[in-house]
Amino acid sequence: MTVLEVFAGVCGFKTVIKAEAGERYHAVCTLETECPNLKKVGVALGDEPLDVMNELFGKGQSTVVDVCTANLPHVSCPVPSAILKALEVSVGLALPADAQLTFKK
């Protein structure tokens, strides 16, 4: 299981993303958060396995992107990208390495 923790910034919400790999590049993703919008995302993603190859390379056909777009009030939230990264790592398509956004000014 891949576990990724995201502190989204000024909103103050932390989200823990858990991605459990299944068969043939499929994974189930769950979210633990106090953000009311991301709670909706977690419910919408449910417990059905996602086709990670389609999520990452499906030419605009991503369940994660669609669900996040429908439930999050702004596109700059870093959690959707983190969900995709957790899924990618969980099925072995990437190595787990920390990412960082740092404002310099």
N, C-alpha and C. Protein backbone atom coordinates (compact mmCIF):
# COMPACT_ATOMS: atom_id res chain seq x y z
N MET A 1 0.84 -1.18 0.00
CA MET A 1 0.00 0.00 0.00
C MET A 1 0.88 1.24 0.00
N THR A 2 0.50 2.20 -0.79
CA THR A 2 1.18 3.49 -0.83
C THR A 2 0.38 4.47 0.02
N VAL A 3 1.07 5.18 0.91
CA VAL A 3 0.44 6.19 1.75
C VAL A 3 1.15 7.50 1.50
N LEU A 4 0.38 8.53 1.15
CA LEU A 4 0.93 9.84 0.82
C LEU A 4 0.18 10.89 1.62
N GLU A 5 0.91 11.74 2.34
CA GLU A 5 0.30 12.79 3.15
C GLU A 5 0.51 14.13 2.45
N VAL A 6 -0.58 14.91 2.35
CA VAL A 6 -0.52 16.21 1.68
C VAL A 6 -1.05 17.28 2.63
N PHE A 7 -0.26 18.31 2.85
CA PHE A 7 -0.73 19.50 3.54
C PHE A 7 -0.97 20.54 2.45
N ALA A 8 -2.23 20.89 2.22
CA ALA A 8 -2.61 21.66 1.04
C ALA A 8 -2.23 23.13 1.10
N GLY A 9 -1.94 23.68 2.26
CA GLY A 9 -1.51 25.08 2.32
C GLY A 9 -2.40 25.92 3.21
N VAL A 10 -2.76 27.09 2.73
CA VAL A 10 -3.45 28.07 3.54
C VAL A 10 -4.80 27.59 4.05
N CYS A 11 -5.42 26.65 3.40
CA CYS A 11 -6.70 26.11 3.89
C CYS A 11 -6.51 25.38 5.22
N GLY A 12 -5.31 24.87 5.45
CA GLY A 12 -5.01 24.20 6.71
C GLY A 12 -5.36 22.72 6.75
N PHE A 13 -5.85 22.19 5.65
CA PHE A 13 -6.27 20.79 5.65
C PHE A 13 -5.13 19.85 5.27
N LYS A 14 -5.06 18.75 5.98
CA LYS A 14 -4.15 17.66 5.65
C LYS A 14 -5.00 16.54 5.08
N THR A 15 -4.48 15.89 4.06
CA THR A 15 -5.15 14.74 3.47
C THR A 15 -4.18 13.58 3.41
N VAL A 16 -4.63 12.43 3.84
CA VAL A 16 -3.84 11.20 3.72
C VAL A 16 -4.48 10.38 2.61
N ILE A 17 -3.67 10.08 1.61
CA ILE A 17 -4.12 9.30 0.46
C ILE A 17 -3.54 7.90 0.59
N LYS A 18 -4.39 6.91 0.49
CA LYS A 18 -3.94 5.52 0.52
C LYS A 18 -4.32 4.87 -0.79
N ALA A 19 -3.35 4.28 -1.45
CA ALA A 19 -3.59 3.61 -2.73
C ALA A 19 -3.11 2.16 -2.61
N GLU A 20 -4.04 1.26 -2.85
CA GLU A 20 -3.76 -0.17 -2.75
C GLU A 20 -3.83 -0.80 -4.13
N ALA A 21 -2.70 -1.32 -4.58
CA ALA A 21 -2.63 -1.92 -5.91
C ALA A 21 -3.40 -3.23 -5.95
N GLY A 22 -4.03 -3.45 -7.10
CA GLY A 22 -4.70 -4.71 -7.37
C GLY A 22 -4.03 -5.38 -8.56
N GLU A 23 -4.83 -5.96 -9.41
CA GLU A 23 -4.30 -6.65 -10.58
C GLU A 23 -4.19 -5.71 -11.77
N ARG A 24 -3.20 -5.97 -12.61
CA ARG A 24 -3.06 -5.34 -13.93
C ARG A 24 -3.19 -3.82 -13.91
N TYR A 25 -2.36 -3.15 -13.11
CA TYR A 25 -2.32 -1.69 -13.05
C TYR A 25 -3.63 -1.07 -12.59
N HIS A 26 -4.32 -1.75 -11.72
CA HIS A 26 -5.52 -1.21 -11.10
C HIS A 26 -5.22 -0.97 -9.62
N ALA A 27 -5.85 0.05 -9.03
CA ALA A 27 -5.65 0.37 -7.62
C ALA A 27 -6.90 1.03 -7.06
N VAL A 28 -7.10 0.82 -5.76
CA VAL A 28 -8.18 1.47 -5.04
C VAL A 28 -7.56 2.60 -4.23
N CYS A 29 -8.22 3.75 -4.26
CA CYS A 29 -7.72 4.93 -3.58
C CYS A 29 -8.71 5.38 -2.52
N THR A 30 -8.21 5.64 -1.30
CA THR A 30 -9.05 6.19 -0.24
C THR A 30 -8.42 7.46 0.29
N LEU A 31 -9.27 8.36 0.80
CA LEU A 31 -8.81 9.64 1.34
C LEU A 31 -9.25 9.77 2.79
N GLU A 32 -8.33 10.26 3.62
CA GLU A 32 -8.65 10.62 5.00
C GLU A 32 -8.37 12.11 5.12
N THR A 33 -9.41 12.91 5.40
CA THR A 33 -9.25 14.36 5.43
C THR A 33 -10.39 15.00 6.20
N GLU A 34 -10.17 16.21 6.64
CA GLU A 34 -11.23 17.02 7.24
C GLU A 34 -11.81 18.00 6.24
N CYS A 35 -11.23 18.09 5.04
CA CYS A 35 -11.73 18.98 4.00
C CYS A 35 -13.09 18.46 3.51
N PRO A 36 -14.13 19.28 3.62
CA PRO A 36 -15.46 18.80 3.19
C PRO A 36 -15.53 18.50 1.70
N ASN A 37 -14.77 19.22 0.90
CA ASN A 37 -14.79 18.98 -0.55
C ASN A 37 -14.05 17.69 -0.90
N LEU A 38 -12.93 17.45 -0.25
CA LEU A 38 -12.18 16.22 -0.53
C LEU A 38 -12.88 14.99 0.04
N LYS A 39 -13.68 15.18 1.08
CA LYS A 39 -14.50 14.07 1.57
C LYS A 39 -15.45 13.62 0.46
N LYS A 40 -16.02 14.58 -0.27
CA LYS A 40 -16.90 14.25 -1.39
C LYS A 40 -16.14 13.51 -2.49
N VAL A 41 -14.89 13.94 -2.72
CA VAL A 41 -14.06 13.25 -3.71
C VAL A 41 -13.85 11.80 -3.29
N GLY A 42 -13.53 11.59 -2.02
CA GLY A 42 -13.32 10.23 -1.52
C GLY A 42 -14.54 9.35 -1.69
N VAL A 43 -15.70 9.91 -1.39
CA VAL A 43 -16.95 9.15 -1.55
C VAL A 43 -17.19 8.84 -3.02
N ALA A 44 -16.96 9.82 -3.89
CA ALA A 44 -17.19 9.63 -5.33
C ALA A 44 -16.23 8.60 -5.92
N LEU A 45 -14.99 8.56 -5.43
CA LEU A 45 -14.04 7.57 -5.93
C LEU A 45 -14.44 6.17 -5.46
N GLY A 46 -15.08 6.09 -4.30
CA GLY A 46 -15.58 4.82 -3.81
C GLY A 46 -14.49 3.80 -3.58
N ASP A 47 -14.86 2.55 -3.68
CA ASP A 47 -13.89 1.47 -3.45
C ASP A 47 -13.70 0.60 -4.68
N GLU A 48 -14.11 1.10 -5.83
CA GLU A 48 -13.89 0.38 -7.08
C GLU A 48 -12.46 0.66 -7.57
N PRO A 49 -11.77 -0.35 -8.04
CA PRO A 49 -10.42 -0.13 -8.55
C PRO A 49 -10.41 0.81 -9.76
N LEU A 50 -9.41 1.66 -9.79
CA LEU A 50 -9.20 2.57 -10.92
C LEU A 50 -8.16 1.98 -11.85
N ASP A 51 -8.34 2.15 -13.13
CA ASP A 51 -7.36 1.74 -14.13
C ASP A 51 -6.30 2.83 -14.18
N VAL A 52 -5.18 2.59 -13.52
CA VAL A 52 -4.15 3.62 -13.37
C VAL A 52 -3.54 4.01 -14.72
N MET A 53 -3.39 3.08 -15.61
CA MET A 53 -2.88 3.43 -16.95
C MET A 53 -3.81 4.43 -17.63
N ASN A 54 -5.10 4.23 -17.51
CA ASN A 54 -6.07 5.16 -18.09
C ASN A 54 -6.04 6.49 -17.36
N GLU A 55 -5.92 6.46 -16.03
CA GLU A 55 -5.86 7.69 -15.24
C GLU A 55 -4.68 8.57 -15.67
N LEU A 56 -3.55 7.95 -15.93
CA LEU A 56 -2.34 8.70 -16.25
C LEU A 56 -2.15 8.98 -17.74
N PHE A 57 -2.59 8.08 -18.58
CA PHE A 57 -2.27 8.19 -20.00
C PHE A 57 -3.49 8.12 -20.91
N GLY A 58 -4.69 8.28 -20.35
CA GLY A 58 -5.93 8.11 -21.09
C GLY A 58 -6.38 9.29 -21.91
N LYS A 59 -5.50 10.23 -22.19
CA LYS A 59 -5.81 11.37 -23.05
C LYS A 59 -7.07 12.11 -22.58
N GLY A 60 -7.03 12.57 -21.33
CA GLY A 60 -8.12 13.38 -20.81
C GLY A 60 -9.27 12.63 -20.21
N GLN A 61 -9.19 11.32 -20.15
CA GLN A 61 -10.27 10.52 -19.58
C GLN A 61 -9.84 9.97 -18.23
N SER A 62 -9.91 10.83 -17.21
CA SER A 62 -9.48 10.44 -15.88
C SER A 62 -10.62 10.59 -14.90
N THR A 63 -10.95 9.50 -14.23
CA THR A 63 -11.98 9.54 -13.19
C THR A 63 -11.56 10.49 -12.08
N VAL A 64 -10.30 10.43 -11.68
CA VAL A 64 -9.80 11.30 -10.61
C VAL A 64 -9.97 12.77 -11.00
N VAL A 65 -9.56 13.14 -12.18
CA VAL A 65 -9.68 14.53 -12.62
C VAL A 65 -11.15 14.94 -12.70
N ASP A 66 -11.99 14.09 -13.25
CA ASP A 66 -13.42 14.40 -13.36
C ASP A 66 -14.07 14.59 -12.00
N VAL A 67 -13.79 13.70 -11.06
CA VAL A 67 -14.38 13.77 -9.73
C VAL A 67 -13.86 15.01 -8.98
N CYS A 68 -12.57 15.28 -9.11
CA CYS A 68 -12.01 16.46 -8.44
C CYS A 68 -12.56 17.75 -9.03
N THR A 69 -12.68 17.80 -10.35
CA THR A 69 -13.23 18.99 -11.00
C THR A 69 -14.66 19.24 -10.55
N ALA A 70 -15.43 18.19 -10.37
CA ALA A 70 -16.82 18.32 -9.96
C ALA A 70 -16.99 18.72 -8.49
N ASN A 71 -16.00 18.44 -7.66
CA ASN A 71 -16.17 18.62 -6.21
C ASN A 71 -15.27 19.65 -5.55
N LEU A 72 -14.22 20.08 -6.22
CA LEU A 72 -13.30 21.04 -5.61
C LEU A 72 -13.56 22.45 -6.14
N PRO A 73 -13.57 23.46 -5.27
CA PRO A 73 -13.90 24.81 -5.70
C PRO A 73 -12.80 25.53 -6.47
N HIS A 74 -11.57 25.02 -6.43
CA HIS A 74 -10.51 25.67 -7.20
C HIS A 74 -9.50 24.65 -7.72
N VAL A 75 -8.97 24.92 -8.89
CA VAL A 75 -8.10 23.96 -9.56
C VAL A 75 -6.67 23.93 -9.01
N SER A 76 -6.31 24.89 -8.17
CA SER A 76 -4.94 24.93 -7.68
C SER A 76 -4.70 24.03 -6.47
N CYS A 77 -5.72 23.35 -5.98
CA CYS A 77 -5.53 22.41 -4.88
C CYS A 77 -4.52 21.34 -5.31
N PRO A 78 -3.50 21.07 -4.48
CA PRO A 78 -2.49 20.09 -4.87
C PRO A 78 -2.92 18.63 -4.70
N VAL A 79 -4.05 18.38 -4.07
CA VAL A 79 -4.44 17.01 -3.76
C VAL A 79 -4.75 16.18 -5.01
N PRO A 80 -5.45 16.70 -6.03
CA PRO A 80 -5.68 15.85 -7.20
C PRO A 80 -4.40 15.30 -7.82
N SER A 81 -3.40 16.12 -7.93
CA SER A 81 -2.12 15.66 -8.46
C SER A 81 -1.50 14.60 -7.55
N ALA A 82 -1.64 14.80 -6.25
CA ALA A 82 -1.10 13.84 -5.29
C ALA A 82 -1.83 12.50 -5.36
N ILE A 83 -3.14 12.54 -5.60
CA ILE A 83 -3.89 11.29 -5.76
C ILE A 83 -3.34 10.51 -6.95
N LEU A 84 -3.13 11.20 -8.06
CA LEU A 84 -2.59 10.53 -9.25
C LEU A 84 -1.19 10.00 -8.99
N LYS A 85 -0.37 10.76 -8.27
CA LYS A 85 0.99 10.30 -7.95
C LYS A 85 0.94 9.07 -7.05
N ALA A 86 0.06 9.06 -6.06
CA ALA A 86 -0.05 7.89 -5.18
C ALA A 86 -0.48 6.66 -5.96
N LEU A 87 -1.43 6.82 -6.87
CA LEU A 87 -1.85 5.70 -7.71
C LEU A 87 -0.70 5.20 -8.57
N GLU A 88 0.04 6.13 -9.16
CA GLU A 88 1.18 5.78 -10.02
C GLU A 88 2.22 4.97 -9.25
N VAL A 89 2.55 5.42 -8.04
CA VAL A 89 3.53 4.71 -7.22
C VAL A 89 2.99 3.35 -6.78
N SER A 90 1.71 3.31 -6.44
CA SER A 90 1.15 2.06 -5.91
C SER A 90 1.23 0.89 -6.88
N VAL A 91 1.15 1.18 -8.18
CA VAL A 91 1.21 0.10 -9.17
C VAL A 91 2.60 -0.07 -9.77
N GLY A 92 3.58 0.65 -9.23
CA GLY A 92 4.96 0.46 -9.66
C GLY A 92 5.38 1.25 -10.90
N LEU A 93 4.61 2.25 -11.28
CA LEU A 93 4.96 3.06 -12.46
C LEU A 93 5.87 4.24 -12.12
N ALA A 94 6.10 4.47 -10.84
CA ALA A 94 7.01 5.53 -10.39
C ALA A 94 7.57 5.15 -9.03
N LEU A 95 8.69 5.74 -8.69
CA LEU A 95 9.27 5.53 -7.38
C LEU A 95 8.71 6.57 -6.41
N PRO A 96 8.60 6.23 -5.14
CA PRO A 96 8.09 7.19 -4.16
C PRO A 96 9.17 8.22 -3.82
N ALA A 97 8.97 9.43 -4.27
CA ALA A 97 9.89 10.53 -3.96
C ALA A 97 9.06 11.75 -3.61
N ASP A 98 9.47 12.46 -2.57
CA ASP A 98 8.73 13.65 -2.13
C ASP A 98 8.78 14.74 -3.19
N ALA A 99 7.66 15.41 -3.35
CA ALA A 99 7.56 16.60 -4.20
C ALA A 99 7.39 17.79 -3.28
N GLN A 100 7.69 18.98 -3.77
CA GLN A 100 7.59 20.16 -2.90
C GLN A 100 7.28 21.39 -3.72
N LEU A 101 6.43 22.25 -3.17
CA LEU A 101 6.19 23.58 -3.73
C LEU A 101 6.75 24.56 -2.72
N THR A 102 7.63 25.45 -3.14
CA THR A 102 8.24 26.41 -2.22
C THR A 102 8.12 27.81 -2.80
N PHE A 103 7.39 28.68 -2.11
CA PHE A 103 7.30 30.08 -2.54
C PHE A 103 8.54 30.81 -2.09
N LYS A 104 9.22 31.48 -3.01
CA LYS A 104 10.45 32.20 -2.70
C LYS A 104 10.20 33.69 -2.50
N LYS A 105 9.04 34.17 -2.95
CA LYS A 105 8.74 35.59 -2.80
C LYS A 105 7.27 35.81 -2.74
